[in-house]
Protein backbone atom coordinates (compact mmCIF):
# COMPACT_ATOMS: atom_id res chain seq x y z
CA MET A 1 -33.21 29.43 40.23
CA ILE A 2 -30.34 28.03 42.45
CA LEU A 3 -27.48 26.91 40.12
CA GLY A 4 -24.13 25.38 41.00
CA PRO A 5 -22.09 22.09 40.70
CA SER A 6 -23.08 18.89 42.53
CA GLY A 7 -22.39 19.00 46.16
CA CYS A 8 -22.41 22.73 46.74
CA GLY A 9 -25.54 22.77 48.85
CA LYS A 10 -28.40 23.49 46.35
CA THR A 11 -30.62 20.62 47.49
CA HIS A 12 -30.03 21.81 51.16
CA LEU A 13 -31.37 25.19 50.45
CA ALA A 14 -34.26 24.05 48.42
CA ALA A 15 -35.36 21.53 51.18
CA ALA A 16 -34.74 24.21 53.77
CA VAL A 17 -37.17 26.47 51.86
CA ALA A 18 -39.78 23.57 51.89
CA ASN A 19 -39.31 23.00 55.64
CA ALA A 20 -39.58 26.67 56.40
CA LEU A 21 -42.84 26.86 54.62
CA LEU A 22 -44.35 23.81 56.26
CA GLN A 23 -43.28 25.04 59.72
CA ALA A 24 -45.01 28.42 59.01
CA GLY A 25 -48.17 26.38 58.24
CA LYS A 26 -47.76 27.09 54.49
CA PRO A 27 -48.27 24.32 51.88
CA ALA A 28 -45.35 23.53 49.43
CA LEU A 29 -44.72 20.59 47.00
CA TYR A 30 -41.05 19.37 46.81
CA SER A 31 -39.80 16.76 44.33
CA SER A 32 -36.74 15.85 42.53
CA ALA A 33 -37.28 16.45 38.67
CA LEU A 34 -36.74 12.53 38.13
CA ASP A 35 -39.30 11.59 40.86
CA LEU A 36 -41.69 14.16 39.37
CA MET A 37 -41.58 12.66 35.97
CA ASP A 38 -41.97 9.14 37.40
CA HIS A 39 -45.06 10.11 39.26
CA LEU A 40 -46.63 11.57 36.02
CA ARG A 41 -45.62 8.51 33.95
CA SER A 42 -47.22 6.12 36.61
CA THR A 43 -50.60 7.59 35.99
CA TYR A 44 -50.70 6.18 32.55
CA ASP A 45 -51.05 2.73 34.17
CA ALA A 46 -54.62 1.55 33.94
CA TYR A 47 -54.59 0.68 37.69
CA SER A 48 -53.13 3.98 38.91
CA PRO A 49 -55.34 5.58 41.73
CA ILE A 50 -54.54 9.04 40.51
CA ALA A 51 -55.59 10.37 37.13
CA TYR A 52 -52.75 12.07 34.96
CA ASP A 53 -54.88 15.24 34.61
CA GLY A 54 -55.45 15.40 38.46
CA LEU A 55 -51.74 15.10 39.40
CA LEU A 56 -50.67 17.51 36.56
CA GLN A 57 -53.20 20.12 38.08
CA ARG A 58 -51.89 19.61 41.61
CA ILE A 59 -48.39 20.25 40.48
CA THR A 60 -49.08 23.32 38.31
CA ASP A 61 -51.44 24.83 41.01
CA ALA A 62 -49.32 23.92 44.13
CA PRO A 63 -49.00 27.40 46.04
CA VAL A 64 -45.18 26.80 46.09
CA LEU A 65 -43.50 24.21 43.79
CA ILE A 66 -39.85 23.03 44.42
CA ILE A 67 -38.15 21.06 41.74
CA ASP A 68 -34.74 19.71 42.65
CA ASP A 69 -31.97 18.78 40.06
CA VAL A 70 -33.65 19.82 36.85
CA GLY A 71 -31.15 18.48 34.18
CA VAL A 72 -31.53 19.06 30.34
CA GLN A 73 -28.85 16.73 29.09
CA THR A 74 -30.20 13.43 30.32
CA SER A 75 -33.99 14.28 30.00
CA SER A 76 -36.08 12.44 27.35
CA PRO A 77 -38.19 14.64 24.91
CA TRP A 78 -41.19 13.63 26.72
CA ALA A 79 -39.81 14.77 30.08
CA MET A 80 -38.85 18.10 28.77
CA GLU A 81 -42.10 18.64 27.24
CA LYS A 82 -43.85 17.99 30.64
CA LEU A 83 -41.43 20.26 32.30
CA ASP A 84 -41.94 22.99 29.94
CA GLN A 85 -45.67 22.43 30.46
CA ILE A 86 -45.48 22.80 34.14
CA LEU A 87 -43.09 25.49 34.24
CA SER A 88 -44.97 27.63 31.39
CA ARG A 89 -48.45 27.35 33.47
CA ARG A 90 -46.69 28.48 36.72
CA TYR A 91 -44.78 31.19 34.74
CA ASN A 92 -47.98 32.54 33.20
CA ALA A 93 -49.76 32.41 36.68
CA ARG A 94 -46.82 33.91 38.42
CA ARG A 95 -46.81 31.08 40.97
CA PRO A 96 -43.83 30.97 43.32
CA THR A 97 -41.41 28.22 42.17
CA VAL A 98 -37.89 27.09 43.19
CA ILE A 99 -35.61 25.29 40.73
CA THR A 100 -32.31 23.85 41.33
CA SER A 101 -29.84 22.61 38.65
CA SER A 102 -26.23 21.84 38.04
CA GLU A 103 -26.57 22.94 34.43
CA THR A 104 -25.33 26.29 33.38
CA GLU A 105 -27.84 28.96 31.92
CA SER A 106 -26.61 28.37 28.30
CA GLU A 107 -27.35 24.76 28.66
CA PHE A 108 -31.13 25.13 28.99
CA PRO A 109 -33.23 25.14 25.82
CA GLU A 110 -34.09 28.75 24.82
CA ARG A 111 -37.89 28.32 25.64
CA LEU A 112 -37.04 27.25 29.23
CA ARG A 113 -34.28 29.86 29.45
CA THR A 114 -36.60 32.68 28.72
CA ARG A 115 -38.87 31.60 31.64
CA LEU A 116 -36.38 30.60 34.17
CA LEU A 117 -34.20 33.62 33.61
CA ASP A 118 -36.83 36.27 33.24
CA PRO A 119 -35.13 39.25 35.07
CA VAL A 120 -38.66 40.57 36.07
CA LEU A 121 -39.72 37.34 37.66
CA ALA A 122 -36.66 35.26 38.43
CA THR A 123 -33.79 35.67 40.97
CA VAL A 124 -30.81 33.41 40.04
CA CYS A 125 -28.56 32.27 42.96
CA ARG A 126 -25.04 30.83 41.78
CA VAL A 127 -23.60 28.66 44.46
CA ALA A 128 -19.93 28.03 44.29
CA PRO A 129 -18.41 24.86 45.54
CA ALA A 130 -16.18 24.63 48.42
CA ARG A 131 -12.78 25.53 47.48
CA VAL A 132 -10.31 22.56 47.14
CA ALA A 133 -6.68 23.14 46.17
CA THR A 134 -5.55 21.51 42.95
CA GLU A 135 -2.41 21.56 40.88
CA TRP A 136 -3.89 24.01 38.61
CA ASP A 137 -4.21 26.72 41.33
CA SER A 138 -0.96 28.33 40.05
CA GLY A 139 -1.56 27.48 36.34
CA GLY A 140 -0.47 23.97 36.31
CA ILE A 141 3.08 24.75 34.87
CA GLN A 142 6.46 24.12 36.44
CA PRO A 143 8.17 27.63 37.41
CA ALA A 144 11.21 26.57 35.37
CA LEU A 145 9.10 26.19 32.23
CA LEU A 146 7.58 29.50 32.85
CA GLU A 147 10.89 31.12 33.08
CA GLN A 148 12.38 29.29 30.00
CA LEU A 149 9.39 29.38 27.47
CA THR A 150 8.74 33.18 27.12
CA PHE A 151 8.03 35.31 24.11
CA GLU A 152 11.47 36.81 24.20
CA ARG A 153 12.92 33.34 23.81
CA PHE A 154 10.80 32.32 21.17
CA ASP A 155 13.12 31.52 18.15
CA VAL A 156 11.97 32.79 14.59
CA GLY A 157 15.74 32.38 13.50
CA PRO A 158 17.62 34.34 11.04
CA GLY A 159 17.69 31.31 8.81
CA LYS A 160 13.84 31.07 8.80
CA SER A 161 13.22 34.87 8.60
CA ALA A 162 12.80 35.03 4.83
CA THR A 163 11.00 31.74 4.51
CA GLU A 164 7.33 30.78 4.70
CA ALA A 165 8.24 28.98 7.89
CA GLY A 166 9.68 32.15 9.32
CA ALA A 167 6.52 34.15 8.29
CA SER A 168 4.19 31.65 10.07
CA LEU A 169 6.37 31.85 13.20
CA ARG A 170 6.52 35.63 13.24
CA ALA A 171 2.69 35.98 12.59
CA ALA A 172 1.90 33.36 15.45
CA LEU A 173 4.34 35.17 17.83
CA ARG A 174 2.44 38.65 17.08
CA ALA A 175 -1.03 37.02 17.71
CA CYS A 176 -0.08 35.22 20.84
CA ARG A 177 1.54 38.49 22.24
CA GLU A 178 -1.65 40.33 21.47
CA PHE A 179 -3.87 37.69 22.89
CA ALA A 180 -1.68 37.55 26.16
CA ARG A 181 -2.31 41.29 26.48
CA THR A 182 -6.15 41.17 25.97
CA PRO A 183 -7.47 37.58 25.83
CA ASP A 184 -10.52 37.63 23.60
CA GLY A 185 -11.97 34.45 21.82
CA TRP A 186 -9.89 31.35 21.04
CA LEU A 187 -6.41 30.69 19.53
CA LEU A 188 -5.86 27.31 17.84
CA LEU A 189 -2.14 26.55 17.21
CA THR A 190 -1.70 23.88 14.67
CA GLY A 191 1.45 22.21 13.22
CA PRO A 192 3.65 19.17 13.46
CA THR A 193 5.73 18.27 16.53
CA GLY A 194 8.57 20.87 17.33
CA THR A 195 7.28 23.89 15.69
CA GLY A 196 6.88 25.80 18.96
CA LYS A 197 3.03 25.36 19.68
CA THR A 198 3.59 24.58 23.42
CA HIS A 199 6.29 27.25 23.85
CA LEU A 200 3.85 30.06 22.65
CA ALA A 201 1.00 28.42 24.82
CA ILE A 202 3.12 28.61 27.95
CA ALA A 203 4.34 32.17 27.08
CA ILE A 204 0.63 33.25 26.90
CA ALA A 205 0.01 31.51 30.33
CA GLY A 206 2.97 33.15 32.03
CA GLN A 207 2.03 36.65 30.87
CA ARG A 208 -1.62 36.05 32.09
CA LEU A 209 -0.43 34.67 35.52
CA ARG A 210 1.96 37.69 35.73
CA ASP A 211 -1.33 39.93 35.27
CA GLY A 212 -2.94 38.06 38.10
CA ALA A 213 -5.37 36.07 35.95
CA SER A 214 -6.77 32.68 36.64
CA VAL A 215 -5.13 30.09 34.23
CA VAL A 216 -5.40 26.47 33.61
CA PHE A 217 -2.75 24.82 31.60
CA THR A 218 -3.04 21.21 30.97
CA PHE A 219 -1.70 18.41 28.60
CA VAL A 220 -4.88 16.89 27.44
CA PRO A 221 -4.04 13.19 28.29
CA ASP A 222 -2.99 14.32 31.80
CA LEU A 223 -6.26 16.30 32.09
CA LEU A 224 -8.27 13.09 31.45
CA ASP A 225 -6.16 11.15 33.78
CA HIS A 226 -6.98 13.72 36.61
CA LEU A 227 -10.77 13.55 35.80
CA ARG A 228 -10.68 9.64 35.99
CA MET A 229 -8.78 9.73 39.22
CA ALA A 230 -11.35 11.99 40.74
CA PHE A 231 -13.82 9.19 40.75
CA ALA A 232 -11.81 7.23 43.17
CA PRO A 233 -13.10 7.05 46.67
CA GLU A 234 -9.69 8.11 48.08
CA SER A 235 -9.57 11.27 45.87
CA ARG A 236 -9.39 14.55 47.82
CA VAL A 237 -11.18 16.46 45.23
CA SER A 238 -14.45 15.59 43.52
CA TYR A 239 -14.85 15.14 39.88
CA ASP A 240 -17.51 17.89 39.74
CA THR A 241 -15.16 20.25 41.50
CA LEU A 242 -12.27 19.61 39.20
CA PHE A 243 -14.30 19.66 36.01
CA GLU A 244 -15.88 22.96 37.03
CA GLN A 245 -12.48 24.46 37.80
CA VAL A 246 -11.26 23.55 34.13
CA LYS A 247 -14.54 24.34 32.50
CA SER A 248 -15.00 27.95 34.08
CA THR A 249 -11.49 29.10 34.42
CA GLU A 250 -10.60 32.67 33.19
CA LEU A 251 -8.12 31.11 30.59
CA LEU A 252 -7.97 27.61 29.55
CA ILE A 253 -4.93 26.12 27.61
CA LEU A 254 -5.38 22.60 26.31
CA ASP A 255 -1.98 21.24 24.95
CA ASP A 256 -1.90 18.72 22.32
CA LEU A 257 -5.57 18.15 21.90
CA GLY A 258 -5.83 14.93 19.80
CA SER A 259 -2.98 13.06 21.54
CA GLU A 260 -5.41 11.47 23.96
CA SER A 261 -6.77 7.90 23.52
CA ALA A 262 -10.02 8.26 21.33
CA THR A 263 -12.36 6.47 23.79
CA PRO A 264 -16.05 7.41 23.97
CA TRP A 265 -15.77 8.89 27.50
CA ALA A 266 -12.79 10.99 26.60
CA GLU A 267 -14.49 12.35 23.47
CA GLU A 268 -17.61 13.19 25.62
CA LYS A 269 -15.75 14.95 28.31
CA LEU A 270 -13.60 17.01 25.71
CA TYR A 271 -16.98 17.81 23.83
CA GLN A 272 -18.64 18.90 26.89
CA LEU A 273 -15.73 21.11 27.89
CA ILE A 274 -15.34 22.57 24.41
CA VAL A 275 -18.97 23.22 23.84
CA HIS A 276 -19.38 25.09 27.10
CA ARG A 277 -16.40 27.32 26.47
CA HIS A 278 -17.43 28.01 22.88
CA ASN A 279 -20.97 28.89 23.85
CA MET A 280 -19.75 31.18 26.67
CA ARG A 281 -16.97 32.64 24.57
CA LEU A 282 -14.39 32.02 27.20
CA PRO A 283 -10.82 32.66 26.29
CA THR A 284 -9.12 29.44 25.20
CA VAL A 285 -5.97 28.43 23.71
CA ILE A 286 -5.57 24.91 22.03
CA THR A 287 -2.48 23.41 20.49
CA SER A 288 -2.79 20.41 18.33
CA ARG A 289 -1.01 18.22 15.64
CA LEU A 290 -4.46 17.39 14.06
CA THR A 291 -5.90 19.14 10.88
CA LEU A 292 -9.29 20.69 10.63
CA ASP A 293 -10.04 18.90 7.38
CA PRO A 294 -8.99 15.53 6.36
CA ALA A 295 -8.62 17.13 2.73
CA GLU A 296 -5.70 19.05 4.25
CA GLU A 297 -3.55 16.03 4.67
CA ASP A 298 -0.93 15.26 2.02
CA SER A 299 -0.46 11.90 0.59
CA GLY A 300 2.23 10.75 2.90
CA ALA A 301 -0.08 11.64 5.98
CA ARG A 302 -2.79 9.81 4.57
CA ALA A 303 -0.66 6.73 3.97
CA SER A 304 0.47 7.04 7.60
CA ARG A 305 -3.09 7.23 8.83
CA ARG A 306 -3.93 4.15 6.97
CA SER A 307 -1.19 2.27 8.74
CA SER A 308 -1.69 3.71 12.22
CA THR A 309 -4.51 3.78 14.70
CA ARG A 310 -3.81 7.54 15.61
CA ARG A 311 -6.28 9.97 13.95
CA THR A 312 -5.02 12.80 12.02
CA SER A 313 -8.19 15.15 12.11
CA PHE A 314 -10.64 16.35 14.74
CA THR A 315 -14.04 14.69 15.22
CA ASP A 316 -16.79 16.61 13.29
CA ALA A 317 -18.47 17.86 16.62
CA ILE A 318 -15.18 19.52 17.91
CA GLY A 319 -13.91 20.47 14.50
CA SER A 320 -17.01 22.40 13.62
CA ARG A 321 -16.42 24.67 16.74
CA LEU A 322 -12.84 25.07 16.02
CA LYS A 323 -13.63 26.35 12.53
CA ASP A 324 -15.91 28.98 13.74
CA GLN A 325 -13.98 32.03 12.79
CA ARG A 326 -16.33 34.28 14.67
CA VAL A 327 -14.65 32.78 17.89
CA VAL A 328 -11.46 31.11 16.75
CA THR A 329 -8.16 32.50 15.27
CA ILE A 330 -6.16 29.67 13.65
CA LEU A 331 -2.55 29.93 13.66
CA PRO A 332 -0.71 27.25 11.59
CA LEU A 333 3.02 26.76 12.40
CA ILE A 334 4.72 25.17 9.48
CA ALA A 335 8.36 25.41 10.52
CA PRO A 336 10.58 22.42 10.56
CA ASP A 337 11.07 20.58 14.11
CA TYR A 338 13.33 23.06 16.15
CA ARG A 339 14.64 20.06 18.10
CA ASP A 340 16.16 18.45 14.92
CA GLU A 341 17.67 21.92 14.19
CA ALA A 342 19.24 22.21 17.58
CA LYS A 343 20.78 18.52 17.21
CA ARG A 344 22.19 19.56 13.78
């Protein structure tokens, strides 16, 4: 198994294996996964010179089979069934096989995963992309903010200390300090604007950066803008490299999730990101003004939603993962807007 993002050299290595075998006089069958499925489909044509059974037998019995770019998310049920059939036969016969994929181990169906990642039979090579500097290399936070927004400067205020608001702020501060010391699972900081969610998130980032950890802090609309711009021909960093850095960083902090434009593309990218980190249990901090359940909205919020295009709760797919208390600790901040207090 050769795993890694697009452009890191997986296909080069797989083709080099095939060429080395052919130069040594040993037969090998090389094909991309898509081409392999197309060849099998073509045998259903009544005028096909090759029978389906004959081609399938040739593939499963090849002395060495090399399948490039196996992807599970865009494959049809039929294609996945054929791939499973081919790999199961080769697995049972212990025939040498090379697979390349840009998917992560967790994204393969369980049945394929048990074969492709069998520690007795399989060697897994993870290829890292060429390192390209991005604005997130230092966490993505301006140094002035790291100095200003610390745990020590987080205000729970004497006027709030005996109130429900003060209690929510103190509880959030304790939980965030603990998370910054030993990140485990996810933190979801919810509440209206001005309650201190971003302050606590940056304080966590600052502590982790001082401890030498890899951190990506990003305002969600900015993240989506960066990903879109990576598709431009003049971009110095590829989309795959950028998305992989965000997806796999040691600590990811998504600030103001839900403030982005709710386009299908944006929802797809965020869902992809959240599912990966949830499945892999990677430490993640999310701040948001959205609620986890539409039932939590008061009548004023519901009236506002009816007169506004901005949504007030998470999509079902994302909300389901954020409600998973095996992974996520939810910290509601219910204090009044501290910016209004400062003005008064």
